[in-house]
Protein backbone atom coordinates (compact mmCIF):
# COMPACT_ATOMS: atom_id res chain seq x y z
CA MET A 1 25.54 -43.86 -1.93
CA THR A 2 23.42 -40.72 -2.26
CA THR A 3 24.94 -37.41 -3.28
CA GLU A 4 23.35 -34.39 -1.60
CA TYR A 5 23.42 -31.01 -3.26
CA LEU A 6 22.92 -27.62 -1.64
CA SER A 7 20.07 -25.39 -2.79
CA VAL A 8 20.38 -21.60 -3.10
CA LYS A 9 18.85 -21.26 0.37
CA GLN A 10 21.25 -23.80 1.86
CA VAL A 11 24.26 -22.15 0.20
CA ALA A 12 23.21 -18.75 1.58
CA GLU A 13 22.82 -20.25 5.07
CA ARG A 14 26.25 -21.91 4.78
CA LEU A 15 27.83 -18.57 3.84
CA GLY A 16 25.88 -16.57 6.41
CA ILE A 17 24.22 -14.31 3.83
CA THR A 18 20.72 -13.87 2.43
CA THR A 19 19.51 -15.67 -0.67
CA GLY A 20 19.23 -12.28 -2.37
CA ALA A 21 22.88 -11.54 -1.62
CA PHE A 22 23.94 -14.93 -3.00
CA ASN A 23 21.84 -14.40 -6.12
CA SER A 24 23.59 -11.06 -6.72
CA LEU A 25 27.03 -12.72 -6.75
CA LYS A 26 28.80 -14.35 -9.69
CA GLN A 27 28.07 -17.91 -8.69
CA PRO A 28 30.03 -21.03 -9.53
CA GLU A 29 28.61 -23.36 -12.14
CA PRO A 30 26.09 -25.68 -10.47
CA ASP A 31 27.09 -29.31 -10.04
CA ALA A 32 23.54 -30.40 -10.86
CA ILE A 33 20.46 -28.93 -12.50
CA ILE A 34 17.05 -30.51 -12.06
CA GLY A 35 14.46 -28.62 -14.03
CA ARG A 36 15.18 -25.00 -13.12
CA THR A 37 16.67 -25.87 -9.72
CA ARG A 38 20.44 -25.56 -9.30
CA GLY A 39 22.46 -27.59 -6.83
CA TRP A 40 26.04 -27.39 -5.60
CA LEU A 41 28.22 -29.83 -3.73
CA PRO A 42 29.39 -28.45 -0.37
CA GLU A 43 33.03 -28.72 -1.48
CA THR A 44 32.26 -26.68 -4.62
CA ILE A 45 30.81 -23.86 -2.52
CA ASP A 46 33.64 -23.99 0.03
CA ALA A 47 36.33 -23.79 -2.69
CA TRP A 48 34.47 -21.00 -4.52
CA ASN A 49 33.99 -19.01 -1.32
CA ALA A 50 37.66 -19.38 -0.34
CA ALA A 51 38.74 -18.06 -3.77
CA ARG A 52 36.42 -15.03 -3.77
CA PRO A 53 38.07 -11.61 -3.46
CA GLY A 54 38.01 -10.02 -0.03
CA ARG A 55 35.74 -7.23 1.12
CA GLY A 56 36.35 -3.92 -0.60
CA VAL A 57 38.21 -5.38 -3.56
CA GLY A 58 37.47 -3.68 -6.84
CA GLY A 59 37.45 -0.06 -5.93
CA GLY A 60 34.72 2.08 -4.61
CA ARG A 61 35.09 5.74 -3.82
CA PRO A 62 38.69 6.81 -3.08
CA ARG A 63 39.38 8.10 0.42
CA LYS A 64 39.76 11.82 0.89
CA GLN A 65 43.34 12.95 1.16
CA LYS A 66 44.23 14.90 4.29
CA LYS A 67 45.76 18.25 3.49
CA GLN A 68 49.33 18.69 4.66
CA PRO A 69 49.96 21.86 6.76
């Protein structure tokens, strides 16, 4: 039985983002490293993606408060 690993490009395609966007994220530990190439099992990426915080988590600029009359 052959185990297939996802490359950075394949992970980005699976998540619907660019490779640059994936590279800017805190990635899970790869399941395999061959030379300098990292590989992930699909289930590793799916579990990692499901556990990532949602959009807008972590702050950003606070919203302006509307003045009360």
